[in-house]
N, C-alpha and C. Protein backbone atom coordinates (compact mmCIF):
# COMPACT_ATOMS: atom_id res chain seq x y z
N LEU A 1 0.81 -1.11 -0.02
CA LEU A 1 -0.04 -0.17 0.09
C LEU A 1 0.55 1.16 0.01
N LEU A 2 1.81 1.06 1.05
CA LEU A 2 2.98 2.48 0.85
C LEU A 2 3.64 2.95 -0.71
N SER A 3 3.81 1.67 -0.92
CA SER A 3 4.44 1.87 -2.22
C SER A 3 4.01 2.24 -3.64
N ALA A 4 2.32 2.23 -3.18
CA ALA A 4 1.69 3.00 -4.33
C ALA A 4 0.61 4.40 -3.85
N GLY A 5 1.28 4.33 -3.05
CA GLY A 5 1.27 6.22 -2.47
C GLY A 5 -0.12 6.25 -1.90
N VAL A 6 -0.80 4.88 -1.69
CA VAL A 6 -2.29 5.51 -0.97
C VAL A 6 -2.57 6.72 0.17
N HIS A 7 -1.29 6.57 0.94
CA HIS A 7 -1.66 7.05 2.42
C HIS A 7 -1.09 8.73 2.01
N ILE A 8 -0.75 9.17 0.58
CA ILE A 8 -0.28 10.46 0.70
C ILE A 8 -1.66 11.26 0.11
N GLY A 9 -2.14 11.91 0.83
CA GLY A 9 -3.37 13.22 0.46
C GLY A 9 -2.69 14.27 -0.65
N THR A 10 -3.47 15.15 -0.48
CA THR A 10 -3.29 16.00 -1.21
C THR A 10 -2.68 17.62 -0.12
N ARG A 11 -2.71 19.00 -0.92
CA ARG A 11 -2.19 19.86 -0.27
C ARG A 11 -3.25 21.02 0.63
N VAL A 12 -4.38 20.37 0.40
CA VAL A 12 -5.46 21.26 0.76
C VAL A 12 -6.55 20.05 1.63
N LYS A 13 -7.09 20.23 2.98
CA LYS A 13 -7.79 19.18 3.69
C LYS A 13 -9.35 19.94 4.05
N THR A 14 -10.03 19.44 4.04
CA THR A 14 -11.57 19.78 5.01
C THR A 14 -12.04 19.22 6.10
N LYS A 15 -12.81 19.85 6.07
CA LYS A 15 -12.88 19.73 7.67
C LYS A 15 -13.63 18.14 8.03
N ASP A 16 -13.80 17.96 7.36
CA ASP A 16 -14.67 16.66 7.22
C ASP A 16 -13.40 15.30 7.48
N MET A 17 -12.79 15.61 6.53
CA MET A 17 -11.52 14.78 6.52
C MET A 17 -10.30 15.03 7.42
N VAL A 18 -10.47 15.68 8.43
CA VAL A 18 -9.35 16.12 9.92
C VAL A 18 -9.12 14.79 9.94
N PRO A 19 -10.49 13.66 10.78
CA PRO A 19 -10.16 12.57 11.63
C PRO A 19 -9.24 11.68 10.88
N PHE A 20 -8.89 11.44 9.46
CA PHE A 20 -8.54 10.61 9.24
C PHE A 20 -6.93 11.38 8.53
N ILE A 21 -6.35 12.34 8.95
CA ILE A 21 -5.34 13.08 8.43
C ILE A 21 -4.43 12.49 9.70
N TYR A 22 -3.10 11.68 9.61
CA TYR A 22 -1.94 11.35 10.33
C TYR A 22 -1.38 12.54 10.96
N LYS A 23 -0.55 12.94 10.33
CA LYS A 23 0.06 14.17 10.16
C LYS A 23 0.50 15.34 8.53
N VAL A 24 1.31 16.47 8.43
CA VAL A 24 1.43 17.10 7.62
C VAL A 24 2.80 16.93 7.23
N ARG A 25 3.23 16.64 6.07
CA ARG A 25 5.01 16.69 5.63
C ARG A 25 5.31 17.92 5.56
N PRO A 26 6.35 18.10 4.92
CA PRO A 26 7.24 19.58 5.02
C PRO A 26 6.41 20.27 3.90
N ASP A 27 6.37 19.44 2.95
CA ASP A 27 6.20 19.97 1.75
C ASP A 27 4.81 20.34 1.53
N GLY A 28 3.98 20.16 2.93
CA GLY A 28 2.57 20.75 2.68
C GLY A 28 1.57 19.72 2.47
N LEU A 29 1.85 18.51 2.05
CA LEU A 29 1.00 17.46 1.96
C LEU A 29 0.85 16.69 3.40
N PHE A 30 -0.43 16.50 3.37
CA PHE A 30 -1.45 15.69 4.17
C PHE A 30 -1.03 14.16 4.19
N VAL A 31 -0.85 13.89 5.06
CA VAL A 31 -0.48 12.12 4.97
C VAL A 31 -1.78 11.41 5.81
N LEU A 32 -2.45 10.13 5.13
CA LEU A 32 -3.71 9.92 5.36
C LEU A 32 -2.95 8.85 6.65
N ASP A 33 -4.07 8.64 7.98
CA ASP A 33 -3.89 7.86 9.09
C ASP A 33 -4.07 6.01 8.27
N MET A 34 -2.98 5.34 8.10
CA MET A 34 -3.44 3.77 7.51
C MET A 34 -3.93 2.99 8.42
N GLU A 35 -4.03 3.10 9.66
CA GLU A 35 -4.69 2.24 10.72
C GLU A 35 -6.23 2.74 9.89
N LYS A 36 -6.57 3.39 9.96
CA LYS A 36 -7.83 4.13 9.89
C LYS A 36 -8.16 3.59 8.32
N MET A 37 -7.21 3.88 7.34
CA MET A 37 -8.10 3.29 6.55
C MET A 37 -7.69 1.95 6.21
N ASN A 38 -6.95 0.95 6.60
CA ASN A 38 -7.25 -0.44 6.84
C ASN A 38 -8.57 -0.83 7.53
N GLU A 39 -8.87 0.40 8.37
CA GLU A 39 -10.27 -0.37 9.50
C GLU A 39 -11.31 -0.09 8.34
N ARG A 40 -11.36 0.71 7.55
CA ARG A 40 -12.33 1.38 6.73
C ARG A 40 -12.69 0.64 5.76
N ILE A 41 -11.50 -0.26 5.45
CA ILE A 41 -11.23 -0.86 4.16
C ILE A 41 -12.17 -2.61 4.36
N LYS A 42 -11.72 -2.82 6.02
CA LYS A 42 -12.31 -3.72 6.09
C LYS A 42 -13.82 -3.71 6.43
N VAL A 43 -14.09 -2.49 6.83
CA VAL A 43 -16.00 -2.06 7.15
C VAL A 43 -16.73 -2.47 5.90
N ALA A 44 -15.70 -1.54 4.95
CA ALA A 44 -16.53 -1.74 3.25
C ALA A 44 -16.75 -3.41 2.72
N ALA A 45 -15.72 -4.08 3.12
CA ALA A 45 -15.38 -4.87 2.17
C ALA A 45 -16.48 -6.06 3.35
N LYS A 46 -17.02 -6.00 4.25
CA LYS A 46 -18.19 -6.51 5.06
C LYS A 46 -19.62 -6.08 4.30
N PHE A 47 -19.59 -4.82 4.43
CA PHE A 47 -20.54 -4.43 3.85
C PHE A 47 -21.01 -4.64 2.49
N LEU A 48 -19.91 -4.56 1.53
CA LEU A 48 -20.24 -5.38 0.68
C LEU A 48 -20.56 -6.87 -0.15
N ALA A 49 -19.90 -7.53 0.88
CA ALA A 49 -20.17 -8.92 0.65
C ALA A 49 -21.21 -9.61 0.86
N ARG A 50 -22.10 -8.48 1.69
CA ARG A 50 -23.60 -9.06 1.94
C ARG A 50 -24.62 -8.48 1.27
N MET A 51 -24.10 -7.62 0.09
CA MET A 51 -24.96 -7.25 -0.89
C MET A 51 -25.18 -7.83 -2.33
N ASP A 52 -26.16 -7.84 -2.95
CA ASP A 52 -26.62 -8.67 -4.42
C ASP A 52 -25.17 -7.89 -5.52
N LEU A 53 -24.01 -8.31 -5.37
CA LEU A 53 -23.21 -7.36 -6.24
C LEU A 53 -23.88 -7.40 -7.55
N SER A 54 -24.83 -7.80 -8.45
CA SER A 54 -25.24 -7.40 -9.31
C SER A 54 -26.17 -6.32 -9.62
N ARG A 55 -26.52 -6.01 -8.48
CA ARG A 55 -27.14 -4.33 -8.16
C ARG A 55 -26.54 -3.67 -8.06
N LEU A 56 -24.77 -3.87 -7.19
CA LEU A 56 -23.72 -2.42 -7.02
C LEU A 56 -23.37 -2.10 -8.24
N VAL A 57 -23.05 -0.45 -8.17
CA VAL A 57 -22.81 0.56 -9.13
C VAL A 57 -21.50 0.55 -8.71
N VAL A 58 -20.44 0.59 -9.42
CA VAL A 58 -18.98 1.01 -9.08
C VAL A 58 -18.93 2.18 -10.42
N ALA A 59 -18.45 3.55 -9.91
CA ALA A 59 -18.23 4.45 -10.40
C ALA A 59 -17.38 5.27 -10.45
N SER A 60 -16.44 5.87 -11.78
CA SER A 60 -15.29 6.54 -11.88
C SER A 60 -15.84 7.56 -13.14
N SER A 61 -15.92 9.06 -13.25
CA SER A 61 -15.51 9.90 -14.18
C SER A 61 -14.32 10.03 -14.44
N LYS A 62 -13.54 9.82 -13.47
CA LYS A 62 -11.72 10.13 -13.47
C LYS A 62 -11.43 8.93 -14.42
N ARG A 63 -10.19 9.66 -15.11
CA ARG A 63 -9.23 8.94 -16.26
C ARG A 63 -8.77 7.37 -15.73
N TYR A 64 -8.05 7.64 -14.52
CA TYR A 64 -7.14 6.79 -13.89
C TYR A 64 -7.93 6.01 -12.94
N GLY A 65 -9.48 6.29 -12.71
CA GLY A 65 -10.18 5.03 -12.69
C GLY A 65 -10.69 4.28 -12.60
N ARG A 66 -10.98 4.44 -14.21
CA ARG A 66 -11.94 3.91 -15.19
C ARG A 66 -11.21 2.20 -14.86
N THR A 67 -9.74 2.08 -15.52
CA THR A 67 -9.36 0.68 -15.21
C THR A 67 -9.73 -0.06 -14.64
N PRO A 68 -9.53 0.68 -13.10
CA PRO A 68 -9.77 -0.13 -11.92
C PRO A 68 -10.72 -0.47 -11.64
N VAL A 69 -11.98 -0.03 -12.00
CA VAL A 69 -13.80 -0.17 -11.59
C VAL A 69 -13.70 -1.39 -12.89
N LEU A 70 -13.60 -1.21 -13.99
CA LEU A 70 -14.16 -1.99 -14.77
C LEU A 70 -13.16 -3.46 -14.82
N LYS A 71 -12.13 -3.91 -14.41
CA LYS A 71 -11.49 -4.68 -13.25
C LYS A 71 -12.18 -5.67 -11.90
N PHE A 72 -12.42 -4.21 -11.38
CA PHE A 72 -13.21 -4.72 -10.63
C PHE A 72 -14.69 -5.22 -10.65
N CYS A 73 -15.34 -4.64 -11.53
CA CYS A 73 -16.92 -5.08 -12.05
C CYS A 73 -16.58 -6.64 -12.57
N GLU A 74 -15.75 -6.63 -13.25
CA GLU A 74 -15.56 -7.98 -14.50
C GLU A 74 -15.36 -9.04 -13.65
N VAL A 75 -14.78 -9.01 -11.63
CA VAL A 75 -14.32 -10.24 -10.89
C VAL A 75 -15.48 -10.29 -10.37
N THR A 76 -16.23 -9.20 -9.84
CA THR A 76 -17.65 -9.24 -8.86
C THR A 76 -19.01 -9.54 -9.27
N GLY A 77 -19.04 -9.07 -10.67
CA GLY A 77 -20.23 -8.91 -11.23
C GLY A 77 -21.19 -7.58 -11.12
N ALA A 78 -19.91 -6.56 -10.96
CA ALA A 78 -20.75 -5.41 -10.28
C ALA A 78 -21.60 -4.96 -11.42
N LYS A 79 -22.16 -3.72 -11.30
CA LYS A 79 -22.08 -2.72 -12.59
C LYS A 79 -21.43 -1.36 -13.01
N PRO A 80 -20.89 -1.35 -13.35
CA PRO A 80 -19.54 -0.58 -14.04
C PRO A 80 -20.29 0.84 -14.18
N LEU A 81 -20.14 2.12 -13.97
CA LEU A 81 -20.26 3.50 -14.56
C LEU A 81 -18.73 4.19 -14.68
N ILE A 82 -18.88 4.39 -15.36
CA ILE A 82 -17.25 4.70 -15.98
C ILE A 82 -17.78 6.13 -17.17
N GLY A 83 -16.72 7.11 -17.27
CA GLY A 83 -17.34 8.46 -17.52
C GLY A 83 -18.39 9.00 -17.23
N ARG A 84 -18.97 9.80 -18.06
CA ARG A 84 -19.85 10.89 -17.46
C ARG A 84 -21.04 9.93 -17.32
N PHE A 85 -21.62 10.56 -16.17
CA PHE A 85 -22.74 10.06 -15.43
C PHE A 85 -24.34 11.13 -15.70
N THR A 86 -25.28 10.28 -16.86
CA THR A 86 -26.14 10.84 -17.11
C THR A 86 -27.49 10.89 -15.70
N SER A 87 -27.71 12.27 -15.78
CA SER A 87 -28.90 12.27 -14.46
C SER A 87 -30.12 11.57 -14.64
N GLY A 88 -30.52 11.19 -13.43
CA GLY A 88 -31.75 10.43 -14.07
C GLY A 88 -32.09 9.26 -14.18
N THR A 89 -30.04 8.06 -14.09
CA THR A 89 -30.12 6.77 -13.93
C THR A 89 -30.63 6.35 -12.66
N PHE A 90 -30.64 7.14 -12.01
CA PHE A 90 -31.22 6.01 -10.89
C PHE A 90 -32.60 6.74 -10.50
N THR A 91 -33.11 7.61 -10.67
CA THR A 91 -34.13 8.37 -10.57
C THR A 91 -35.72 8.24 -10.86
N ASN A 92 -35.12 8.29 -12.80
CA ASN A 92 -36.14 8.60 -13.70
C ASN A 92 -36.49 6.68 -14.66
N PRO A 93 -37.33 6.13 -14.14
CA PRO A 93 -37.41 5.12 -14.85
C PRO A 93 -37.79 4.98 -16.06
N ASN A 94 -38.22 5.66 -16.31
CA ASN A 94 -38.64 6.30 -17.62
C ASN A 94 -37.51 6.37 -18.93
N TYR A 95 -36.13 6.34 -18.30
CA TYR A 95 -35.07 6.60 -18.84
C TYR A 95 -34.79 5.28 -19.14
N ALA A 96 -33.87 5.08 -20.64
CA ALA A 96 -33.40 3.86 -21.19
C ALA A 96 -32.17 2.80 -19.91
N ASP A 97 -31.77 3.77 -19.88
CA ASP A 97 -30.47 2.85 -19.01
C ASP A 97 -30.78 3.31 -17.51
N PHE A 98 -31.69 3.22 -17.06
CA PHE A 98 -32.30 3.41 -15.34
C PHE A 98 -32.02 2.25 -14.88
N PHE A 99 -31.09 2.21 -13.84
CA PHE A 99 -31.19 1.05 -12.99
C PHE A 99 -31.40 1.57 -11.31
N GLU A 100 -31.60 0.73 -10.82
CA GLU A 100 -31.68 0.76 -9.35
C GLU A 100 -30.75 0.00 -8.36
N PRO A 101 -29.93 0.41 -7.86
CA PRO A 101 -28.42 0.26 -7.24
C PRO A 101 -28.73 -0.22 -5.86
N VAL A 102 -28.13 -1.17 -4.82
CA VAL A 102 -28.69 -1.35 -3.72
C VAL A 102 -27.81 -0.70 -2.74
N ALA A 103 -26.10 -0.61 -3.63
CA ALA A 103 -25.47 0.88 -3.16
C ALA A 103 -24.45 0.98 -3.93
N VAL A 104 -23.82 2.29 -3.98
CA VAL A 104 -22.90 2.59 -5.05
C VAL A 104 -21.18 3.15 -4.91
N VAL A 105 -20.68 2.34 -4.94
CA VAL A 105 -19.12 2.73 -4.90
C VAL A 105 -18.50 3.79 -5.52
N VAL A 106 -18.34 5.06 -5.33
CA VAL A 106 -17.16 6.01 -6.29
C VAL A 106 -15.80 6.44 -6.07
N THR A 107 -15.12 6.58 -6.72
CA THR A 107 -13.73 6.41 -6.68
C THR A 107 -13.18 8.33 -5.88
N ASP A 108 -14.09 9.21 -6.43
CA ASP A 108 -14.02 10.10 -5.86
C ASP A 108 -15.30 11.03 -5.62
N ALA A 109 -15.96 11.23 -4.54
CA ALA A 109 -17.32 12.16 -4.37
C ALA A 109 -16.84 13.42 -4.73
N LEU A 110 -15.58 14.24 -5.08
CA LEU A 110 -15.89 15.55 -5.39
C LEU A 110 -16.05 15.19 -6.77
N ALA A 111 -15.58 14.27 -7.90
CA ALA A 111 -15.67 14.34 -9.49
C ALA A 111 -16.49 13.21 -9.71
N ASP A 112 -17.09 12.69 -8.86
CA ASP A 112 -18.65 11.82 -9.02
C ASP A 112 -19.56 12.17 -8.00
N ASP A 113 -19.80 13.48 -7.77
CA ASP A 113 -20.67 14.55 -7.49
C ASP A 113 -22.43 14.29 -7.71
N GLN A 114 -22.34 14.19 -8.76
CA GLN A 114 -23.77 14.22 -9.80
C GLN A 114 -24.22 12.49 -9.12
N ILE A 115 -23.06 11.56 -9.36
CA ILE A 115 -23.47 10.20 -8.88
C ILE A 115 -23.98 9.99 -7.29
N VAL A 116 -23.52 10.67 -6.44
CA VAL A 116 -23.37 10.69 -5.16
C VAL A 116 -24.88 11.62 -4.71
N ASP A 117 -25.17 12.60 -5.03
CA ASP A 117 -26.01 13.09 -5.01
C ASP A 117 -27.39 11.75 -5.41
N GLU A 118 -27.39 11.24 -6.55
CA GLU A 118 -28.53 10.87 -6.57
C GLU A 118 -28.74 10.13 -6.12
N ALA A 119 -27.65 8.96 -5.83
CA ALA A 119 -28.09 7.78 -5.13
C ALA A 119 -28.26 8.36 -3.63
N SER A 120 -27.91 9.18 -2.85
CA SER A 120 -28.55 9.60 -1.59
C SER A 120 -29.75 10.13 -1.43
N ALA A 121 -29.90 11.06 -3.04
CA ALA A 121 -31.70 11.51 -3.01
C ALA A 121 -32.89 10.07 -2.99
N MET A 122 -32.55 9.08 -3.71
CA MET A 122 -32.72 7.80 -3.32
C MET A 122 -33.01 7.08 -2.16
N GLY A 123 -31.94 7.56 -1.72
CA GLY A 123 -31.81 6.29 0.12
C GLY A 123 -30.90 5.60 -0.23
N VAL A 124 -29.70 5.39 -1.54
CA VAL A 124 -29.35 4.23 -1.77
C VAL A 124 -27.53 4.17 -0.79
N PRO A 125 -27.06 3.64 0.32
CA PRO A 125 -25.88 3.71 0.51
C PRO A 125 -24.62 4.23 -0.87
N VAL A 126 -23.69 4.64 0.28
CA VAL A 126 -22.46 5.26 -0.70
C VAL A 126 -21.59 5.19 -0.13
N VAL A 127 -20.30 4.47 -0.65
CA VAL A 127 -19.12 4.18 -0.05
C VAL A 127 -17.81 4.99 -1.18
N ALA A 128 -17.53 5.59 -0.31
CA ALA A 128 -16.48 6.38 -1.49
C ALA A 128 -15.39 6.76 -0.92
N PHE A 129 -14.28 6.64 -2.31
CA PHE A 129 -12.71 6.80 -1.71
C PHE A 129 -12.53 8.29 -1.68
N CYS A 130 -11.89 8.84 -0.65
CA CYS A 130 -11.88 10.44 -0.12
C CYS A 130 -10.56 10.55 0.17
N SER A 131 -10.05 11.39 -0.66
CA SER A 131 -8.57 12.14 -0.50
C SER A 131 -8.73 13.45 0.94
N THR A 132 -8.01 13.96 1.19
CA THR A 132 -8.10 14.68 2.20
C THR A 132 -8.82 16.52 1.68
N ASP A 133 -9.03 16.47 0.86
CA ASP A 133 -9.65 17.23 0.25
C ASP A 133 -11.23 17.21 -0.49
N ASN A 134 -11.66 15.89 0.09
CA ASN A 134 -13.14 15.68 -0.50
C ASN A 134 -13.87 16.11 0.70
N SER A 135 -15.10 16.72 0.17
CA SER A 135 -16.60 16.50 1.25
C SER A 135 -17.34 15.28 1.52
N LEU A 136 -17.70 15.32 2.85
CA LEU A 136 -18.33 13.86 3.01
C LEU A 136 -19.66 14.04 3.24
N SER A 137 -20.46 15.06 2.35
CA SER A 137 -21.69 14.90 2.72
C SER A 137 -22.24 14.52 1.32
N ASP A 138 -23.04 13.47 2.10
CA ASP A 138 -23.72 12.52 1.56
C ASP A 138 -23.20 10.86 1.05
N VAL A 139 -22.35 11.23 1.55
CA VAL A 139 -21.33 9.88 1.84
C VAL A 139 -21.71 8.93 3.07
N ASP A 140 -21.94 7.89 2.89
CA ASP A 140 -22.38 7.04 4.06
C ASP A 140 -21.04 6.14 4.89
N LEU A 141 -20.10 6.17 3.93
CA LEU A 141 -19.03 5.01 3.71
C LEU A 141 -17.60 5.84 3.69
N VAL A 142 -17.01 6.22 4.07
CA VAL A 142 -15.60 6.79 3.52
C VAL A 142 -14.73 6.03 3.43
N ILE A 143 -13.95 5.52 2.57
CA ILE A 143 -12.59 5.15 2.50
C ILE A 143 -11.59 5.83 2.49
N PRO A 144 -10.80 6.65 3.05
CA PRO A 144 -9.64 7.38 2.86
C PRO A 144 -8.24 6.68 2.34
N MET A 145 -8.31 7.54 1.64
CA MET A 145 -7.26 7.48 0.41
C MET A 145 -6.43 8.00 -0.56
N ASN A 146 -5.48 8.20 -1.24
CA ASN A 146 -5.05 8.80 -1.99
C ASN A 146 -5.56 8.20 -3.10
N ASN A 147 -7.06 9.32 -3.92
CA ASN A 147 -7.87 8.99 -5.39
C ASN A 147 -7.40 9.48 -6.02
N LYS A 148 -6.64 10.47 -6.27
CA LYS A 148 -5.63 10.90 -7.30
C LYS A 148 -4.75 10.34 -8.40
N GLY A 149 -4.10 9.17 -7.54
CA GLY A 149 -3.01 8.65 -8.45
C GLY A 149 -3.61 7.47 -8.55
N ARG A 150 -2.82 6.86 -10.38
CA ARG A 150 -3.01 5.80 -10.83
C ARG A 150 -2.88 4.26 -10.42
N ARG A 151 -1.89 4.53 -9.54
CA ARG A 151 -1.47 3.18 -9.08
C ARG A 151 -2.27 3.50 -7.79
N SER A 152 -2.74 4.06 -6.81
CA SER A 152 -3.38 3.98 -5.45
C SER A 152 -4.78 3.47 -5.30
N LEU A 153 -5.08 4.21 -7.01
CA LEU A 153 -6.59 3.58 -7.09
C LEU A 153 -6.64 2.16 -7.79
N ALA A 154 -5.20 1.62 -8.36
CA ALA A 154 -5.42 0.34 -8.65
C ALA A 154 -4.82 -0.74 -7.75
N ILE A 155 -4.75 -0.13 -6.37
CA ILE A 155 -4.92 -1.17 -5.52
C ILE A 155 -6.37 -1.16 -4.87
């Protein structure tokens, strides 16, 4: 995990992410607490293990999140949503691609804010990978980690 840089945050922190920050490096980057990260990964794994994975949506609008999302969905049978999200996918039954998920996992709560908002409005639990610059509004379970890097998202 350390070699992939999952513990490295950004130079920006939000009030929501303060409990997950271990320290600040001399260059101004915030370092995430690995113990809390591992704890949250275990909680998320137990939570997702009880789901019907065919109705789980895993989403990423970020370039580096697309390949990990597709690989995860290939292995688990979850539904991938990559790229741009169309409003109404979860809320409009008349929409051709309408889908009712049991839970949603996003690679970045900030970049995937439309998905988070729509899932939250429908009462669908949201699991999000969040760095130090993310807000946790409408996120039900946060996994603190570097969600900007290609290698850290692949882990």
